Amino acid sequence: VDTFDDPDLGEKLSDAKMCLPAIIKPQIACGVSHAHSM
């Protein structure tokens, strides 16, 4: 998904076997690296 303003979004989600509601995450992570260490 590049934009939620796409008029064909519903069809594209259906073609990808996805349905709403869905959790959408960015492709590039943000934050600090030490947040993932224990």
C-alpha atoms as a PDB file:
ATOM      1  CA  VAL A   1       0.000   0.000   0.000  1.00  0.00           C
ATOM      2  CA  ASP A   2       1.555   3.253  -1.121  1.00  0.00           C
ATOM      3  CA  THR A   3      -1.429   5.493  -0.393  1.00  0.00           C
ATOM      4  CA  PHE A   4      -4.900   5.164   1.087  1.00  0.00           C
ATOM      5  CA  ASP A   5      -6.262   7.587  -1.547  1.00  0.00           C
ATOM      6  CA  ASP A   6      -6.094   4.910  -4.278  1.00  0.00           C
ATOM      7  CA  PRO A   7      -9.573   4.379  -5.765  1.00  0.00           C
ATOM      8  CA  ASP A   8      -8.649   0.722  -6.455  1.00  0.00           C
ATOM      9  CA  LEU A   9      -7.455   0.022  -2.894  1.00  0.00           C
ATOM     10  CA  GLY A  10     -10.273  -2.419  -2.124  1.00  0.00           C
ATOM     11  CA  GLU A  11      -9.594  -4.415  -5.277  1.00  0.00           C
ATOM     12  CA  LYS A  12      -5.838  -4.458  -4.655  1.00  0.00           C
ATOM     13  CA  LEU A  13      -6.341  -5.683  -1.077  1.00  0.00           C
ATOM     14  CA  SER A  14      -8.694  -8.379  -2.330  1.00  0.00           C
ATOM     15  CA  ASP A  15      -6.169  -9.474  -4.978  1.00  0.00           C
ATOM     16  CA  ALA A  16      -3.535  -9.725  -2.220  1.00  0.00           C
ATOM     17  CA  LYS A  17      -5.965 -11.855  -0.129  1.00  0.00           C
ATOM     18  CA  MET A  18      -6.148  -9.113   2.523  1.00  0.00           C
ATOM     19  CA  CYS A  19      -9.174  -7.613   4.212  1.00  0.00           C
ATOM     20  CA  LEU A  20      -9.855  -4.817   6.647  1.00  0.00           C
ATOM     21  CA  PRO A  21      -9.302  -4.209   9.483  1.00  0.00           C
ATOM     22  CA  ALA A  22      -5.572  -4.712   9.062  1.00  0.00           C
ATOM     23  CA  ILE A  23      -2.490  -3.472  10.885  1.00  0.00           C
ATOM     24  CA  ILE A  24      -0.374  -1.379   8.542  1.00  0.00           C
ATOM     25  CA  LYS A  25       3.289  -0.918   9.414  1.00  0.00           C
ATOM     26  CA  PRO A  26       5.912   1.241   7.693  1.00  0.00           C
ATOM     27  CA  GLN A  27       8.542  -0.484   5.572  1.00  0.00           C
ATOM     28  CA  ILE A  28      11.315   1.508   7.255  1.00  0.00           C
ATOM     29  CA  ALA A  29      11.510   1.225  11.025  1.00  0.00           C
ATOM     30  CA  CYS A  30      11.858   4.288  13.183  1.00  0.00           C
ATOM     31  CA  GLY A  31      13.157   4.586  16.701  1.00  0.00           C
ATOM     32  CA  VAL A  32      16.362   3.697  18.455  1.00  0.00           C
ATOM     33  CA  SER A  33      18.230   0.422  18.024  1.00  0.00           C
ATOM     34  CA  HIS A  34      18.673  -0.233  21.765  1.00  0.00           C
ATOM     35  CA  ALA A  35      14.889  -0.485  22.133  1.00  0.00           C
ATOM     36  CA  HIS A  36      15.145  -3.975  20.620  1.00  0.00           C
ATOM     37  CA  SER A  37      17.881  -5.302  22.906  1.00  0.00           C
ATOM     38  CA  MET A  38      17.342  -7.056  26.222  1.00  0.00           C
END
